Amino acid sequence: MKSYIYKIYSNDEKMHYYGLTTTNIQTRFEGHLRQYNLYTQQKTTKYCSSYKIFNNYNIQDIKIQIVEEHDNLPLYKLRQREKYYIQNYI
């Protein structure tokens, strides 16, 4: 199974969010945006730190990028890789 470490970031690269997924990267980005919209409409209380980027930038100024791509990496290893980026790049 393919898995990814990705970052969501502003064009000026002042804000970053790192995450992991086993789905298509664009689908994952759309999921973040959909959840953010539900949150701002007070239809959910689920909060994600990626919302800070959506709060501060227009959608056209926000990008998603694959940082690492893996085949058949165990979830615990994928979480370790995600943690590495969060601890070292945010």
N, C-alpha and C. Protein backbone atom coordinates (compact mmCIF):
# COMPACT_ATOMS: atom_id res chain seq x y z
N MET A 1 0.85 -1.18 0.00
CA MET A 1 0.00 0.00 0.00
C MET A 1 0.89 1.24 0.00
N LYS A 2 0.55 2.20 -0.83
CA LYS A 2 1.26 3.48 -0.89
C LYS A 2 0.87 4.31 0.33
N SER A 3 1.84 5.01 0.86
CA SER A 3 1.59 5.95 1.95
C SER A 3 2.49 7.16 1.74
N TYR A 4 2.07 8.27 2.33
CA TYR A 4 2.76 9.54 2.08
C TYR A 4 2.89 10.35 3.36
N ILE A 5 4.00 11.05 3.46
CA ILE A 5 4.14 12.16 4.39
C ILE A 5 3.99 13.40 3.51
N TYR A 6 3.16 14.32 3.93
CA TYR A 6 2.90 15.50 3.10
C TYR A 6 2.97 16.75 3.97
N LYS A 7 3.11 17.87 3.28
CA LYS A 7 3.00 19.15 3.99
C LYS A 7 2.01 20.03 3.26
N ILE A 8 1.25 20.75 4.05
CA ILE A 8 0.38 21.82 3.56
C ILE A 8 1.07 23.10 3.99
N TYR A 9 1.22 24.03 3.06
CA TYR A 9 1.99 25.22 3.38
C TYR A 9 1.48 26.42 2.60
N SER A 10 1.82 27.59 3.13
CA SER A 10 1.48 28.84 2.46
C SER A 10 2.54 29.13 1.40
N ASN A 11 2.13 29.87 0.36
CA ASN A 11 3.07 30.23 -0.72
C ASN A 11 4.33 30.91 -0.19
N ASP A 12 4.19 31.72 0.84
CA ASP A 12 5.36 32.41 1.40
C ASP A 12 6.14 31.50 2.35
N GLU A 13 5.65 30.30 2.56
CA GLU A 13 6.28 29.26 3.39
C GLU A 13 6.46 29.68 4.85
N LYS A 14 5.61 30.59 5.32
CA LYS A 14 5.67 30.99 6.72
C LYS A 14 4.90 30.03 7.62
N MET A 15 3.97 29.29 7.05
CA MET A 15 3.18 28.34 7.84
C MET A 15 3.22 26.98 7.17
N HIS A 16 3.40 25.93 8.01
CA HIS A 16 3.48 24.55 7.53
C HIS A 16 2.64 23.63 8.40
N TYR A 17 2.13 22.60 7.81
CA TYR A 17 1.47 21.51 8.51
C TYR A 17 1.96 20.22 7.89
N TYR A 18 2.37 19.25 8.69
CA TYR A 18 2.80 17.95 8.20
C TYR A 18 1.81 16.89 8.62
N GLY A 19 1.54 15.98 7.71
CA GLY A 19 0.61 14.90 8.00
C GLY A 19 0.99 13.64 7.26
N LEU A 20 0.22 12.60 7.47
CA LEU A 20 0.42 11.34 6.77
C LEU A 20 -0.91 10.88 6.19
N THR A 21 -0.83 10.13 5.12
CA THR A 21 -2.05 9.61 4.50
C THR A 21 -1.73 8.37 3.68
N THR A 22 -2.75 7.58 3.48
CA THR A 22 -2.65 6.44 2.56
C THR A 22 -3.58 6.64 1.38
N THR A 23 -4.13 7.84 1.27
CA THR A 23 -5.02 8.16 0.15
C THR A 23 -4.31 9.11 -0.82
N ASN A 24 -4.95 9.36 -1.93
CA ASN A 24 -4.46 10.31 -2.91
C ASN A 24 -4.23 11.66 -2.23
N ILE A 25 -3.14 12.31 -2.56
CA ILE A 25 -2.74 13.54 -1.88
C ILE A 25 -3.74 14.68 -2.11
N GLN A 26 -4.30 14.79 -3.30
CA GLN A 26 -5.28 15.83 -3.57
C GLN A 26 -6.57 15.57 -2.80
N THR A 27 -6.95 14.30 -2.72
CA THR A 27 -8.13 13.93 -1.93
C THR A 27 -7.93 14.29 -0.47
N ARG A 28 -6.72 14.08 0.03
CA ARG A 28 -6.42 14.42 1.43
C ARG A 28 -6.51 15.92 1.65
N PHE A 29 -5.99 16.71 0.71
CA PHE A 29 -6.07 18.17 0.82
C PHE A 29 -7.53 18.62 0.84
N GLU A 30 -8.33 18.06 -0.04
CA GLU A 30 -9.75 18.40 -0.09
C GLU A 30 -10.44 18.02 1.21
N GLY A 31 -9.99 16.92 1.83
CA GLY A 31 -10.54 16.53 3.14
C GLY A 31 -10.22 17.56 4.21
N HIS A 32 -9.00 18.07 4.21
CA HIS A 32 -8.65 19.13 5.16
C HIS A 32 -9.54 20.35 4.94
N LEU A 33 -9.71 20.73 3.70
CA LEU A 33 -10.52 21.91 3.39
C LEU A 33 -11.98 21.70 3.77
N ARG A 34 -12.51 20.52 3.47
CA ARG A 34 -13.90 20.21 3.81
C ARG A 34 -14.11 20.26 5.33
N GLN A 35 -13.19 19.66 6.09
CA GLN A 35 -13.30 19.68 7.55
C GLN A 35 -13.15 21.09 8.11
N TYR A 36 -12.28 21.88 7.50
CA TYR A 36 -12.11 23.27 7.92
C TYR A 36 -13.41 24.05 7.73
N ASN A 37 -14.05 23.85 6.58
CA ASN A 37 -15.32 24.54 6.32
C ASN A 37 -16.39 24.13 7.32
N LEU A 38 -16.46 22.86 7.65
CA LEU A 38 -17.41 22.41 8.67
C LEU A 38 -17.11 23.04 10.02
N TYR A 39 -15.84 23.15 10.35
CA TYR A 39 -15.42 23.75 11.60
C TYR A 39 -15.81 25.23 11.67
N THR A 40 -15.57 25.96 10.59
CA THR A 40 -15.90 27.39 10.59
C THR A 40 -17.40 27.64 10.58
N GLN A 41 -18.16 26.67 10.09
CA GLN A 41 -19.62 26.76 10.12
C GLN A 41 -20.20 26.21 11.42
N GLN A 42 -19.33 25.84 12.34
CA GLN A 42 -19.69 25.29 13.65
C GLN A 42 -20.54 24.02 13.53
N LYS A 43 -20.26 23.23 12.48
CA LYS A 43 -20.95 21.96 12.30
C LYS A 43 -20.14 20.80 12.87
N THR A 44 -18.93 21.12 13.32
CA THR A 44 -18.08 20.15 14.01
C THR A 44 -17.17 20.90 14.96
N THR A 45 -16.76 20.20 16.01
CA THR A 45 -15.80 20.79 16.94
C THR A 45 -14.41 20.20 16.73
N LYS A 46 -14.29 19.28 15.78
CA LYS A 46 -13.00 18.65 15.49
C LYS A 46 -12.06 19.72 14.93
N TYR A 47 -10.90 19.87 15.59
CA TYR A 47 -9.94 20.89 15.18
C TYR A 47 -8.65 20.23 14.72
N CYS A 48 -8.05 20.82 13.70
CA CYS A 48 -6.76 20.36 13.17
C CYS A 48 -5.88 21.59 13.02
N SER A 49 -4.60 21.46 13.34
CA SER A 49 -3.72 22.62 13.27
C SER A 49 -3.53 23.14 11.85
N SER A 50 -3.90 22.36 10.84
CA SER A 50 -3.84 22.88 9.46
C SER A 50 -4.82 24.04 9.26
N TYR A 51 -5.82 24.15 10.12
CA TYR A 51 -6.82 25.22 9.99
C TYR A 51 -6.19 26.59 10.15
N LYS A 52 -5.06 26.68 10.87
CA LYS A 52 -4.37 27.97 11.02
C LYS A 52 -3.96 28.52 9.65
N ILE A 53 -3.53 27.64 8.77
CA ILE A 53 -3.13 28.07 7.43
C ILE A 53 -4.35 28.55 6.65
N PHE A 54 -5.44 27.78 6.71
CA PHE A 54 -6.66 28.17 6.00
C PHE A 54 -7.24 29.47 6.55
N ASN A 55 -7.04 29.73 7.85
CA ASN A 55 -7.51 30.97 8.46
C ASN A 55 -6.73 32.19 7.97
N ASN A 56 -5.46 31.99 7.67
CA ASN A 56 -4.58 33.13 7.40
C ASN A 56 -4.27 33.38 5.93
N TYR A 57 -4.66 32.45 5.06
CA TYR A 57 -4.33 32.58 3.63
C TYR A 57 -5.53 32.24 2.76
N ASN A 58 -5.58 32.85 1.59
CA ASN A 58 -6.59 32.48 0.59
C ASN A 58 -6.25 31.09 0.07
N ILE A 59 -7.25 30.35 -0.32
CA ILE A 59 -7.05 28.97 -0.77
C ILE A 59 -6.06 28.89 -1.93
N GLN A 60 -6.05 29.88 -2.80
CA GLN A 60 -5.12 29.85 -3.93
C GLN A 60 -3.66 30.06 -3.49
N ASP A 61 -3.46 30.48 -2.24
CA ASP A 61 -2.11 30.69 -1.71
C ASP A 61 -1.65 29.55 -0.80
N ILE A 62 -2.38 28.43 -0.86
CA ILE A 62 -2.05 27.27 -0.04
C ILE A 62 -1.76 26.09 -0.96
N LYS A 63 -0.70 25.37 -0.66
CA LYS A 63 -0.27 24.23 -1.48
C LYS A 63 -0.16 22.98 -0.63
N ILE A 64 -0.17 21.83 -1.29
CA ILE A 64 0.15 20.57 -0.64
C ILE A 64 1.25 19.91 -1.46
N GLN A 65 2.17 19.26 -0.75
CA GLN A 65 3.32 18.65 -1.41
C GLN A 65 3.66 17.33 -0.72
N ILE A 66 3.97 16.33 -1.50
CA ILE A 66 4.45 15.07 -0.95
C ILE A 66 5.89 15.27 -0.51
N VAL A 67 6.19 14.90 0.73
CA VAL A 67 7.53 14.99 1.28
C VAL A 67 8.23 13.64 1.18
N GLU A 68 7.49 12.57 1.46
CA GLU A 68 8.01 11.21 1.35
C GLU A 68 6.92 10.32 0.80
N GLU A 69 7.32 9.33 0.03
CA GLU A 69 6.40 8.32 -0.51
C GLU A 69 6.95 6.95 -0.14
N HIS A 70 6.07 6.07 0.35
CA HIS A 70 6.51 4.75 0.79
C HIS A 70 5.58 3.67 0.25
N ASP A 71 6.13 2.46 0.12
CA ASP A 71 5.36 1.27 -0.22
C ASP A 71 5.41 0.33 0.97
N ASN A 72 4.24 -0.04 1.46
CA ASN A 72 4.13 -1.06 2.51
C ASN A 72 4.89 -0.72 3.79
N LEU A 73 5.00 0.54 4.14
CA LEU A 73 5.64 0.94 5.39
C LEU A 73 4.62 0.78 6.52
N PRO A 74 4.97 0.09 7.60
CA PRO A 74 4.03 -0.06 8.72
C PRO A 74 3.60 1.29 9.26
N LEU A 75 2.36 1.36 9.73
CA LEU A 75 1.80 2.63 10.20
C LEU A 75 2.65 3.26 11.31
N TYR A 76 3.16 2.45 12.23
CA TYR A 76 3.96 3.03 13.31
C TYR A 76 5.23 3.70 12.76
N LYS A 77 5.82 3.15 11.71
CA LYS A 77 7.00 3.77 11.08
C LYS A 77 6.61 5.06 10.37
N LEU A 78 5.45 5.04 9.72
CA LEU A 78 4.96 6.23 9.05
C LEU A 78 4.71 7.35 10.07
N ARG A 79 4.15 7.00 11.22
CA ARG A 79 3.93 7.99 12.28
C ARG A 79 5.27 8.54 12.80
N GLN A 80 6.28 7.70 12.87
CA GLN A 80 7.61 8.17 13.28
C GLN A 80 8.15 9.19 12.28
N ARG A 81 7.96 8.93 11.00
CA ARG A 81 8.43 9.86 9.98
C ARG A 81 7.67 11.18 10.05
N GLU A 82 6.36 11.11 10.25
CA GLU A 82 5.55 12.32 10.41
C GLU A 82 6.04 13.12 11.62
N LYS A 83 6.25 12.45 12.72
CA LYS A 83 6.73 13.10 13.95
C LYS A 83 8.07 13.79 13.72
N TYR A 84 8.95 13.16 12.96
CA TYR A 84 10.24 13.76 12.64
C TYR A 84 10.06 15.13 11.98
N TYR A 85 9.18 15.21 11.00
CA TYR A 85 8.97 16.48 10.30
C TYR A 85 8.32 17.51 11.21
N ILE A 86 7.38 17.09 12.02
CA ILE A 86 6.72 18.03 12.93
C ILE A 86 7.74 18.59 13.93
N GLN A 87 8.58 17.73 14.46
CA GLN A 87 9.56 18.18 15.46
C GLN A 87 10.68 19.02 14.86
N ASN A 88 11.03 18.79 13.62
CA ASN A 88 12.20 19.45 13.04
C ASN A 88 11.89 20.59 12.07
N TYR A 89 10.65 20.70 11.62
CA TYR A 89 10.36 21.70 10.58
C TYR A 89 9.21 22.63 10.91
N ILE A 90 8.65 22.52 12.10
CA ILE A 90 7.58 23.46 12.46
C ILE A 90 8.07 24.32 13.59
